[in-house]
Amino acid sequence: IFLAYGKAGCRLAEVPLAEIGLAPEGRPLEAPAKGSRWGLGRHLGAAVAALCLTEELGQLEDLAPCCGHRADSPEFEELLLVPLAGCLLPLRRTVEPLRDR
């Protein structure tokens, strides 16, 4: 699903998850606690894979608020490491984009 949206040129952070049955309606009423995942953050691995396959790594920072972190936080970087490496190694045979982050 995320790959189809990415190929269509949509930003993944704007995917209507509730409409496609992947999240409850609306955003949390309160700001989520630091580190708690909601919305796209609950599908982080799939979202990262779609961004890698569509070569839209610039959108990774859009996923941070859904994971309860800032885009520049070490905790968010840690969350991204395994899904990014799992996608980039088979596709590019390098982890160079990880070093760029």
PDB file of N, CA and C in Angstrom:
ATOM      1  N   ILE A   1       0.828  -1.187   0.000  1.00  0.00           N
ATOM      2  CA  ILE A   1       0.000   0.000   0.000  1.00  0.00           C
ATOM      3  C   ILE A   1       0.869   1.246   0.000  1.00  0.00           C
ATOM      4  N   PHE A   2       1.872   1.298   0.888  1.00  0.00           N
ATOM      5  CA  PHE A   2       2.723   2.477   0.974  1.00  0.00           C
ATOM      6  C   PHE A   2       3.541   2.655  -0.301  1.00  0.00           C
ATOM      7  N   LEU A   3       3.964   1.565  -0.883  1.00  0.00           N
ATOM      8  CA  LEU A   3       4.728   1.641  -2.126  1.00  0.00           C
ATOM      9  C   LEU A   3       3.872   2.246  -3.243  1.00  0.00           C
ATOM     10  N   ALA A   4       2.614   1.859  -3.324  1.00  0.00           N
ATOM     11  CA  ALA A   4       1.717   2.409  -4.345  1.00  0.00           C
ATOM     12  C   ALA A   4       1.543   3.915  -4.151  1.00  0.00           C
ATOM     13  N   TYR A   5       1.379   4.355  -2.905  1.00  0.00           N
ATOM     14  CA  TYR A   5       1.265   5.784  -2.646  1.00  0.00           C
ATOM     15  C   TYR A   5       2.562   6.500  -3.013  1.00  0.00           C
ATOM     16  N   GLY A   6       3.692   5.903  -2.665  1.00  0.00           N
ATOM     17  CA  GLY A   6       4.982   6.508  -2.999  1.00  0.00           C
ATOM     18  C   GLY A   6       5.193   6.626  -4.489  1.00  0.00           C
ATOM     19  N   LYS A   7       4.857   5.579  -5.227  1.00  0.00           N
ATOM     20  CA  LYS A   7       4.991   5.622  -6.683  1.00  0.00           C
ATOM     21  C   LYS A   7       4.054   6.653  -7.308  1.00  0.00           C
ATOM     22  N   ALA A   8       2.943   6.920  -6.636  1.00  0.00           N
ATOM     23  CA  ALA A   8       1.995   7.925  -7.129  1.00  0.00           C
ATOM     24  C   ALA A   8       2.448   9.343  -6.798  1.00  0.00           C
ATOM     25  N   GLY A   9       3.559   9.470  -6.089  1.00  0.00           N
ATOM     26  CA  GLY A   9       4.093  10.782  -5.766  1.00  0.00           C
ATOM     27  C   GLY A   9       3.538  11.403  -4.497  1.00  0.00           C
ATOM     28  N   CYS A  10       2.848  10.617  -3.699  1.00  0.00           N
ATOM     29  CA  CYS A  10       2.282  11.125  -2.446  1.00  0.00           C
ATOM     30  C   CYS A  10       3.324  11.099  -1.339  1.00  0.00           C
ATOM     31  N   ARG A  11       3.209  12.036  -0.426  1.00  0.00           N
ATOM     32  CA  ARG A  11       4.044  11.994   0.772  1.00  0.00           C
ATOM     33  C   ARG A  11       3.405  10.983   1.724  1.00  0.00           C
ATOM     34  N   LEU A  12       4.204  10.084   2.251  1.00  0.00           N
ATOM     35  CA  LEU A  12       3.643   9.038   3.107  1.00  0.00           C
ATOM     36  C   LEU A  12       2.997   9.592   4.363  1.00  0.00           C
ATOM     37  N   ALA A  13       3.497  10.700   4.870  1.00  0.00           N
ATOM     38  CA  ALA A  13       2.911  11.285   6.077  1.00  0.00           C
ATOM     39  C   ALA A  13       1.488  11.776   5.821  1.00  0.00           C
ATOM     40  N   GLU A  14       1.095  11.909   4.553  1.00  0.00           N
ATOM     41  CA  GLU A  14      -0.243  12.395   4.216  1.00  0.00           C
ATOM     42  C   GLU A  14      -1.191  11.272   3.779  1.00  0.00           C
ATOM     43  N   VAL A  15      -0.737  10.024   3.844  1.00  0.00           N
ATOM     44  CA  VAL A  15      -1.580   8.893   3.471  1.00  0.00           C
ATOM     45  C   VAL A  15      -2.742   8.797   4.461  1.00  0.00           C
ATOM     46  N   PRO A  16      -3.970   8.704   3.985  1.00  0.00           N
ATOM     47  CA  PRO A  16      -5.133   8.636   4.888  1.00  0.00           C
ATOM     48  C   PRO A  16      -5.278   7.241   5.501  1.00  0.00           C
ATOM     49  N   LEU A  17      -4.494   6.977   6.525  1.00  0.00           N
ATOM     50  CA  LEU A  17      -4.441   5.636   7.118  1.00  0.00           C
ATOM     51  C   LEU A  17      -5.804   5.142   7.590  1.00  0.00           C
ATOM     52  N   ALA A  18      -6.604   6.015   8.152  1.00  0.00           N
ATOM     53  CA  ALA A  18      -7.927   5.595   8.639  1.00  0.00           C
ATOM     54  C   ALA A  18      -8.814   5.152   7.482  1.00  0.00           C
ATOM     55  N   GLU A  19      -8.717   5.838   6.362  1.00  0.00           N
ATOM     56  CA  GLU A  19      -9.549   5.499   5.205  1.00  0.00           C
ATOM     57  C   GLU A  19      -9.204   4.133   4.615  1.00  0.00           C
ATOM     58  N   ILE A  20      -7.950   3.726   4.772  1.00  0.00           N
ATOM     59  CA  ILE A  20      -7.548   2.417   4.230  1.00  0.00           C
ATOM     60  C   ILE A  20      -7.465   1.349   5.316  1.00  0.00           C
ATOM     61  N   GLY A  21      -7.968   1.675   6.508  1.00  0.00           N
ATOM     62  CA  GLY A  21      -8.079   0.690   7.578  1.00  0.00           C
ATOM     63  C   GLY A  21      -6.806   0.385   8.328  1.00  0.00           C
ATOM     64  N   LEU A  22      -5.832   1.302   8.301  1.00  0.00           N
ATOM     65  CA  LEU A  22      -4.567   1.047   8.983  1.00  0.00           C
ATOM     66  C   LEU A  22      -4.393   1.839  10.280  1.00  0.00           C
ATOM     67  N   ALA A  23      -5.397   2.637  10.642  1.00  0.00           N
ATOM     68  CA  ALA A  23      -5.310   3.419  11.876  1.00  0.00           C
ATOM     69  C   ALA A  23      -6.712   3.864  12.272  1.00  0.00           C
ATOM     70  N   PRO A  24      -6.901   4.153  13.555  1.00  0.00           N
ATOM     71  CA  PRO A  24      -8.197   4.712  13.971  1.00  0.00           C
ATOM     72  C   PRO A  24      -8.368   6.114  13.394  1.00  0.00           C
ATOM     73  N   GLU A  25      -9.597   6.577  13.363  1.00  0.00           N
ATOM     74  CA  GLU A  25      -9.894   7.918  12.844  1.00  0.00           C
ATOM     75  C   GLU A  25      -9.170   8.991  13.650  1.00  0.00           C
ATOM     76  N   GLY A  26      -8.700  10.007  12.972  1.00  0.00           N
ATOM     77  CA  GLY A  26      -8.131  11.193  13.613  1.00  0.00           C
ATOM     78  C   GLY A  26      -6.774  10.979  14.247  1.00  0.00           C
ATOM     79  N   ARG A  27      -6.248  12.070  14.748  1.00  0.00           N
ATOM     80  CA  ARG A  27      -4.970  12.057  15.456  1.00  0.00           C
ATOM     81  C   ARG A  27      -5.235  11.916  16.946  1.00  0.00           C
ATOM     82  N   PRO A  28      -4.212  11.565  17.717  1.00  0.00           N
ATOM     83  CA  PRO A  28      -4.420  11.511  19.170  1.00  0.00           C
ATOM     84  C   PRO A  28      -4.873  12.875  19.696  1.00  0.00           C
ATOM     85  N   LEU A  29      -5.742  12.882  20.685  1.00  0.00           N
ATOM     86  CA  LEU A  29      -6.225  14.139  21.244  1.00  0.00           C
ATOM     87  C   LEU A  29      -5.111  14.893  21.946  1.00  0.00           C
ATOM     88  N   GLU A  30      -4.248  14.174  22.588  1.00  0.00           N
ATOM     89  CA  GLU A  30      -3.103  14.780  23.263  1.00  0.00           C
ATOM     90  C   GLU A  30      -1.853  14.416  22.488  1.00  0.00           C
ATOM     91  N   ALA A  31      -0.813  15.191  22.693  1.00  0.00           N
ATOM     92  CA  ALA A  31       0.462  14.847  22.071  1.00  0.00           C
ATOM     93  C   ALA A  31       0.893  13.487  22.605  1.00  0.00           C
ATOM     94  N   PRO A  32       1.301  12.588  21.712  1.00  0.00           N
ATOM     95  CA  PRO A  32       1.715  11.272  22.200  1.00  0.00           C
ATOM     96  C   PRO A  32       2.941  11.387  23.102  1.00  0.00           C
ATOM     97  N   ALA A  33       3.037  10.489  24.045  1.00  0.00           N
ATOM     98  CA  ALA A  33       4.204  10.473  24.927  1.00  0.00           C
ATOM     99  C   ALA A  33       5.452  10.217  24.097  1.00  0.00           C
ATOM    100  N   LYS A  34       6.555  10.750  24.573  1.00  0.00           N
ATOM    101  CA  LYS A  34       7.816  10.563  23.853  1.00  0.00           C
ATOM    102  C   LYS A  34       8.064   9.078  23.648  1.00  0.00           C
ATOM    103  N   GLY A  35       8.336   8.715  22.406  1.00  0.00           N
ATOM    104  CA  GLY A  35       8.633   7.330  22.076  1.00  0.00           C
ATOM    105  C   GLY A  35       7.421   6.474  21.762  1.00  0.00           C
ATOM    106  N   SER A  36       6.202   6.994  21.972  1.00  0.00           N
ATOM    107  CA  SER A  36       5.030   6.187  21.640  1.00  0.00           C
ATOM    108  C   SER A  36       4.694   6.379  20.166  1.00  0.00           C
ATOM    109  N   ARG A  37       4.305   5.305  19.525  1.00  0.00           N
ATOM    110  CA  ARG A  37       4.017   5.352  18.093  1.00  0.00           C
ATOM    111  C   ARG A  37       2.527   5.417  17.851  1.00  0.00           C
ATOM    112  N   TRP A  38       2.127   6.189  16.846  1.00  0.00           N
ATOM    113  CA  TRP A  38       0.743   6.283  16.416  1.00  0.00           C
ATOM    114  C   TRP A  38       0.759   6.483  14.916  1.00  0.00           C
ATOM    115  N   GLY A  39      -0.352   6.266  14.290  1.00  0.00           N
ATOM    116  CA  GLY A  39      -0.448   6.482  12.841  1.00  0.00           C
ATOM    117  C   GLY A  39       0.619   5.728  12.067  1.00  0.00           C
ATOM    118  N   LEU A  40       1.326   6.439  11.243  1.00  0.00           N
ATOM    119  CA  LEU A  40       2.357   5.841  10.393  1.00  0.00           C
ATOM    120  C   LEU A  40       3.498   5.230  11.208  1.00  0.00           C
ATOM    121  N   GLY A  41       3.699   5.731  12.414  1.00  0.00           N
ATOM    122  CA  GLY A  41       4.750   5.186  13.276  1.00  0.00           C
ATOM    123  C   GLY A  41       4.530   3.723  13.613  1.00  0.00           C
ATOM    124  N   ARG A  42       3.268   3.275  13.589  1.00  0.00           N
ATOM    125  CA  ARG A  42       2.976   1.859  13.863  1.00  0.00           C
ATOM    126  C   ARG A  42       3.307   0.968  12.674  1.00  0.00           C
ATOM    127  N   HIS A  43       3.580   1.579  11.548  1.00  0.00           N
ATOM    128  CA  HIS A  43       3.925   0.848  10.331  1.00  0.00           C
ATOM    129  C   HIS A  43       5.298   1.297   9.832  1.00  0.00           C
ATOM    130  N   LEU A  44       6.196   1.603  10.775  1.00  0.00           N
ATOM    131  CA  LEU A  44       7.479   2.205  10.448  1.00  0.00           C
ATOM    132  C   LEU A  44       8.290   1.378   9.461  1.00  0.00           C
ATOM    133  N   GLY A  45       8.401   0.084   9.692  1.00  0.00           N
ATOM    134  CA  GLY A  45       9.191  -0.762   8.801  1.00  0.00           C
ATOM    135  C   GLY A  45       8.687  -0.729   7.370  1.00  0.00           C
ATOM    136  N   ALA A  46       7.369  -0.830   7.206  1.00  0.00           N
ATOM    137  CA  ALA A  46       6.773  -0.800   5.865  1.00  0.00           C
ATOM    138  C   ALA A  46       6.949   0.565   5.213  1.00  0.00           C
ATOM    139  N   ALA A  47       6.804   1.627   6.008  1.00  0.00           N
ATOM    140  CA  ALA A  47       6.972   2.975   5.467  1.00  0.00           C
ATOM    141  C   ALA A  47       8.413   3.205   5.027  1.00  0.00           C
ATOM    142  N   VAL A  48       9.365   2.780   5.834  1.00  0.00           N
ATOM    143  CA  VAL A  48      10.782   2.929   5.478  1.00  0.00           C
ATOM    144  C   VAL A  48      11.094   2.132   4.217  1.00  0.00           C
ATOM    145  N   ALA A  49      10.586   0.915   4.127  1.00  0.00           N
ATOM    146  CA  ALA A  49      10.828   0.098   2.923  1.00  0.00           C
ATOM    147  C   ALA A  49      10.269   0.784   1.680  1.00  0.00           C
ATOM    148  N   ALA A  50       9.062   1.337   1.771  1.00  0.00           N
ATOM    149  CA  ALA A  50       8.466   2.027   0.622  1.00  0.00           C
ATOM    150  C   ALA A  50       9.294   3.244   0.229  1.00  0.00           C
ATOM    151  N   LEU A  51       9.790   3.988   1.212  1.00  0.00           N
ATOM    152  CA  LEU A  51      10.604   5.160   0.909  1.00  0.00           C
ATOM    153  C   LEU A  51      11.935   4.765   0.272  1.00  0.00           C
ATOM    154  N   CYS A  52      12.485   3.649   0.692  1.00  0.00           N
ATOM    155  CA  CYS A  52      13.724   3.160   0.077  1.00  0.00           C
ATOM    156  C   CYS A  52      13.475   2.730  -1.373  1.00  0.00           C
ATOM    157  N   LEU A  53      12.408   1.990  -1.582  1.00  0.00           N
ATOM    158  CA  LEU A  53      12.112   1.490  -2.931  1.00  0.00           C
ATOM    159  C   LEU A  53      11.771   2.606  -3.913  1.00  0.00           C
ATOM    160  N   THR A  54      11.169   3.684  -3.422  1.00  0.00           N
ATOM    161  CA  THR A  54      10.835   4.806  -4.297  1.00  0.00           C
ATOM    162  C   THR A  54      11.925   5.882  -4.274  1.00  0.00           C
ATOM    163  N   GLU A  55      12.985   5.612  -3.535  1.00  0.00           N
ATOM    164  CA  GLU A  55      14.128   6.525  -3.403  1.00  0.00           C
ATOM    165  C   GLU A  55      13.698   7.910  -2.939  1.00  0.00           C
ATOM    166  N   GLU A  56      12.860   7.918  -1.927  1.00  0.00           N
ATOM    167  CA  GLU A  56      12.366   9.151  -1.319  1.00  0.00           C
ATOM    168  C   GLU A  56      12.841   9.249   0.130  1.00  0.00           C
ATOM    169  N   LEU A  57      14.122   9.023   0.349  1.00  0.00           N
ATOM    170  CA  LEU A  57      14.649   9.012   1.716  1.00  0.00           C
ATOM    171  C   LEU A  57      14.504  10.364   2.410  1.00  0.00           C
ATOM    172  N   GLY A  58      14.306  11.418   1.651  1.00  0.00           N
ATOM    173  CA  GLY A  58      14.097  12.730   2.244  1.00  0.00           C
ATOM    174  C   GLY A  58      12.830  12.818   3.083  1.00  0.00           C
ATOM    175  N   GLN A  59      11.905  11.886   2.863  1.00  0.00           N
ATOM    176  CA  GLN A  59      10.658  11.879   3.630  1.00  0.00           C
ATOM    177  C   GLN A  59      10.800  11.193   4.987  1.00  0.00           C
ATOM    178  N   LEU A  60      11.936  10.594   5.254  1.00  0.00           N
ATOM    179  CA  LEU A  60      12.102   9.881   6.522  1.00  0.00           C
ATOM    180  C   LEU A  60      11.827  10.781   7.719  1.00  0.00           C
ATOM    181  N   GLU A  61      12.246  12.024   7.643  1.00  0.00           N
ATOM    182  CA  GLU A  61      12.042  12.925   8.777  1.00  0.00           C
ATOM    183  C   GLU A  61      10.564  13.168   9.062  1.00  0.00           C
ATOM    184  N   ASP A  62       9.706  12.990   8.057  1.00  0.00           N
ATOM    185  CA  ASP A  62       8.262  13.150   8.266  1.00  0.00           C
ATOM    186  C   ASP A  62       7.689  12.082   9.194  1.00  0.00           C
ATOM    187  N   LEU A  63       8.396  10.972   9.337  1.00  0.00           N
ATOM    188  CA  LEU A  63       7.921   9.870  10.162  1.00  0.00           C
ATOM    189  C   LEU A  63       8.201  10.076  11.650  1.00  0.00           C
ATOM    190  N   ALA A  64       9.114  10.975  11.978  1.00  0.00           N
ATOM    191  CA  ALA A  64       9.539  11.169  13.369  1.00  0.00           C
ATOM    192  C   ALA A  64       8.393  11.516  14.319  1.00  0.00           C
ATOM    193  N   PRO A  65       7.538  12.501  13.999  1.00  0.00           N
ATOM    194  CA  PRO A  65       6.471  12.822  14.952  1.00  0.00           C
ATOM    195  C   PRO A  65       5.535  11.647  15.239  1.00  0.00           C
ATOM    196  N   CYS A  66       5.347  10.775  14.260  1.00  0.00           N
ATOM    197  CA  CYS A  66       4.486   9.601  14.454  1.00  0.00           C
ATOM    198  C   CYS A  66       5.129   8.561  15.360  1.00  0.00           C
ATOM    199  N   CYS A  67       6.400   8.752  15.622  1.00  0.00           N
ATOM    200  CA  CYS A  67       7.119   7.833  16.512  1.00  0.00           C
ATOM    201  C   CYS A  67       7.420   8.483  17.862  1.00  0.00           C
ATOM    202  N   GLY A  68       6.896   9.700  18.057  1.00  0.00           N
ATOM    203  CA  GLY A  68       7.094  10.389  19.328  1.00  0.00           C
ATOM    204  C   GLY A  68       8.477  10.988  19.497  1.00  0.00           C
ATOM    205  N   HIS A  69       9.139  11.313  18.377  1.00  0.00           N
ATOM    206  CA  HIS A  69      10.491  11.876  18.427  1.00  0.00           C
ATOM    207  C   HIS A  69      10.618  13.051  17.471  1.00  0.00           C
ATOM    208  N   ARG A  70      11.707  13.787  17.615  1.00  0.00           N
ATOM    209  CA  ARG A  70      12.089  14.797  16.628  1.00  0.00           C
ATOM    210  C   ARG A  70      12.914  14.102  15.552  1.00  0.00           C
ATOM    211  N   ALA A  71      12.934  14.651  14.371  1.00  0.00           N
ATOM    212  CA  ALA A  71      13.664  14.028  13.262  1.00  0.00           C
ATOM    213  C   ALA A  71      15.163  13.946  13.530  1.00  0.00           C
ATOM    214  N   ASP A  72      15.690  14.874  14.323  1.00  0.00           N
ATOM    215  CA  ASP A  72      17.129  14.884  14.577  1.00  0.00           C
ATOM    216  C   ASP A  72      17.520  14.182  15.879  1.00  0.00           C
ATOM    217  N   SER A  73      16.575  13.490  16.500  1.00  0.00           N
ATOM    218  CA  SER A  73      16.880  12.847  17.777  1.00  0.00           C
ATOM    219  C   SER A  73      17.600  11.512  17.567  1.00  0.00           C
ATOM    220  N   PRO A  74      18.515  11.189  18.479  1.00  0.00           N
ATOM    221  CA  PRO A  74      19.208   9.904  18.397  1.00  0.00           C
ATOM    222  C   PRO A  74      18.249   8.716  18.509  1.00  0.00           C
ATOM    223  N   GLU A  75      17.170   8.887  19.268  1.00  0.00           N
ATOM    224  CA  GLU A  75      16.202   7.797  19.423  1.00  0.00           C
ATOM    225  C   GLU A  75      15.522   7.473  18.085  1.00  0.00           C
ATOM    226  N   PHE A  76      15.190   8.509  17.329  1.00  0.00           N
ATOM    227  CA  PHE A  76      14.569   8.281  16.027  1.00  0.00           C
ATOM    228  C   PHE A  76      15.564   7.644  15.062  1.00  0.00           C
ATOM    229  N   GLU A  77      16.793   8.115  15.083  1.00  0.00           N
ATOM    230  CA  GLU A  77      17.841   7.516  14.233  1.00  0.00           C
ATOM    231  C   GLU A  77      17.998   6.029  14.557  1.00  0.00           C
ATOM    232  N   GLU A  78      17.920   5.701  15.830  1.00  0.00           N
ATOM    233  CA  GLU A  78      18.045   4.309  16.251  1.00  0.00           C
ATOM    234  C   GLU A  78      16.873   3.467  15.725  1.00  0.00           C
ATOM    235  N   LEU A  79      15.661   4.038  15.766  1.00  0.00           N
ATOM    236  CA  LEU A  79      14.490   3.327  15.236  1.00  0.00           C
ATOM    237  C   LEU A  79      14.628   3.056  13.734  1.00  0.00           C
ATOM    238  N   LEU A  80      15.238   3.973  13.021  1.00  0.00           N
ATOM    239  CA  LEU A  80      15.371   3.845  11.563  1.00  0.00           C
ATOM    240  C   LEU A  80      16.466   2.877  11.133  1.00  0.00           C
ATOM    241  N   LEU A  81      17.456   2.667  11.983  1.00  0.00           N
ATOM    242  CA  LEU A  81      18.649   1.925  11.577  1.00  0.00           C
ATOM    243  C   LEU A  81      18.353   0.550  10.987  1.00  0.00           C
ATOM    244  N   VAL A  82      17.630  -0.281  11.691  1.00  0.00           N
ATOM    245  CA  VAL A  82      17.410  -1.652  11.218  1.00  0.00           C
ATOM    246  C   VAL A  82      16.565  -1.699   9.945  1.00  0.00           C
ATOM    247  N   PRO A  83      15.399  -0.987   9.890  1.00  0.00           N
ATOM    248  CA  PRO A  83      14.647  -1.050   8.630  1.00  0.00           C
ATOM    249  C   PRO A  83      15.416  -0.447   7.451  1.00  0.00           C
ATOM    250  N   LEU A  84      16.171   0.623   7.695  1.00  0.00           N
ATOM    251  CA  LEU A  84      16.946   1.219   6.605  1.00  0.00           C
ATOM    252  C   LEU A  84      18.028   0.268   6.115  1.00  0.00           C
ATOM    253  N   ALA A  85      18.773  -0.289   7.039  1.00  0.00           N
ATOM    254  CA  ALA A  85      19.832  -1.222   6.650  1.00  0.00           C
ATOM    255  C   ALA A  85      19.240  -2.442   5.949  1.00  0.00           C
ATOM    256  N   GLY A  86      18.112  -2.925   6.441  1.00  0.00           N
ATOM    257  CA  GLY A  86      17.465  -4.084   5.832  1.00  0.00           C
ATOM    258  C   GLY A  86      17.003  -3.836   4.412  1.00  0.00           C
ATOM    259  N   CYS A  87      16.738  -2.599   4.082  1.00  0.00           N
ATOM    260  CA  CYS A  87      16.310  -2.256   2.718  1.00  0.00           C
ATOM    261  C   CYS A  87      17.485  -1.860   1.833  1.00  0.00           C
ATOM    262  N   LEU A  88      18.382  -1.065   2.382  1.00  0.00           N
ATOM    263  CA  LEU A  88      19.460  -0.527   1.558  1.00  0.00           C
ATOM    264  C   LEU A  88      20.514  -1.561   1.188  1.00  0.00           C
ATOM    265  N   LEU A  89      20.821  -2.451   2.105  1.00  0.00           N
ATOM    266  CA  LEU A  89      21.855  -3.450   1.792  1.00  0.00           C
ATOM    267  C   LEU A  89      21.476  -4.308   0.589  1.00  0.00           C
ATOM    268  N   PRO A  90      20.281  -4.898   0.537  1.00  0.00           N
ATOM    269  CA  PRO A  90      19.944  -5.700  -0.642  1.00  0.00           C
ATOM    270  C   PRO A  90      19.779  -4.863  -1.922  1.00  0.00           C
ATOM    271  N   LEU A  91      19.274  -3.643  -1.786  1.00  0.00           N
ATOM    272  CA  LEU A  91      19.018  -2.820  -2.965  1.00  0.00           C
ATOM    273  C   LEU A  91      20.276  -2.194  -3.542  1.00  0.00           C
ATOM    274  N   ARG A  92      21.105  -1.657  -2.685  1.00  0.00           N
ATOM    275  CA  ARG A  92      22.262  -0.891  -3.148  1.00  0.00           C
ATOM    276  C   ARG A  92      23.600  -1.536  -2.831  1.00  0.00           C
ATOM    277  N   ARG A  93      23.556  -2.565  -2.016  1.00  0.00           N
ATOM    278  CA  ARG A  93      24.767  -3.248  -1.577  1.00  0.00           C
ATOM    279  C   ARG A  93      25.724  -2.301  -0.850  1.00  0.00           C
ATOM    280  N   THR A  94      25.154  -1.279  -0.236  1.00  0.00           N
ATOM    281  CA  THR A  94      25.945  -0.329   0.538  1.00  0.00           C
ATOM    282  C   THR A  94      25.060   0.295   1.615  1.00  0.00           C
ATOM    283  N   VAL A  95      25.700   0.797   2.625  1.00  0.00           N
ATOM    284  CA  VAL A  95      24.974   1.537   3.655  1.00  0.00           C
ATOM    285  C   VAL A  95      25.362   3.016   3.605  1.00  0.00           C
ATOM    286  N   GLU A  96      25.903   3.451   2.487  1.00  0.00           N
ATOM    287  CA  GLU A  96      26.340   4.838   2.351  1.00  0.00           C
ATOM    288  C   GLU A  96      25.250   5.847   2.707  1.00  0.00           C
ATOM    289  N   PRO A  97      23.984   5.665   2.279  1.00  0.00           N
ATOM    290  CA  PRO A  97      22.959   6.624   2.692  1.00  0.00           C
ATOM    291  C   PRO A  97      22.783   6.698   4.210  1.00  0.00           C
ATOM    292  N   LEU A  98      23.093   5.625   4.914  1.00  0.00           N
ATOM    293  CA  LEU A  98      23.011   5.670   6.377  1.00  0.00           C
ATOM    294  C   LEU A  98      24.095   6.592   6.942  1.00  0.00           C
ATOM    295  N   ARG A  99      25.232   6.569   6.320  1.00  0.00           N
ATOM    296  CA  ARG A  99      26.312   7.448   6.776  1.00  0.00           C
ATOM    297  C   ARG A  99      25.970   8.906   6.514  1.00  0.00           C
ATOM    298  N   ASP A 100      25.249   9.155   5.423  1.00  0.00           N
ATOM    299  CA  ASP A 100      24.853  10.524   5.099  1.00  0.00           C
ATOM    300  C   ASP A 100      23.892  11.094   6.113  1.00  0.00           C
ATOM    301  N   ARG A 101      23.087  10.238   6.761  1.00  0.00           N
ATOM    302  CA  ARG A 101      22.135  10.700   7.769  1.00  0.00           C
ATOM    303  C   ARG A 101      22.897  11.065   8.997  1.00  0.00           C
TER     304      ARG A 101
END
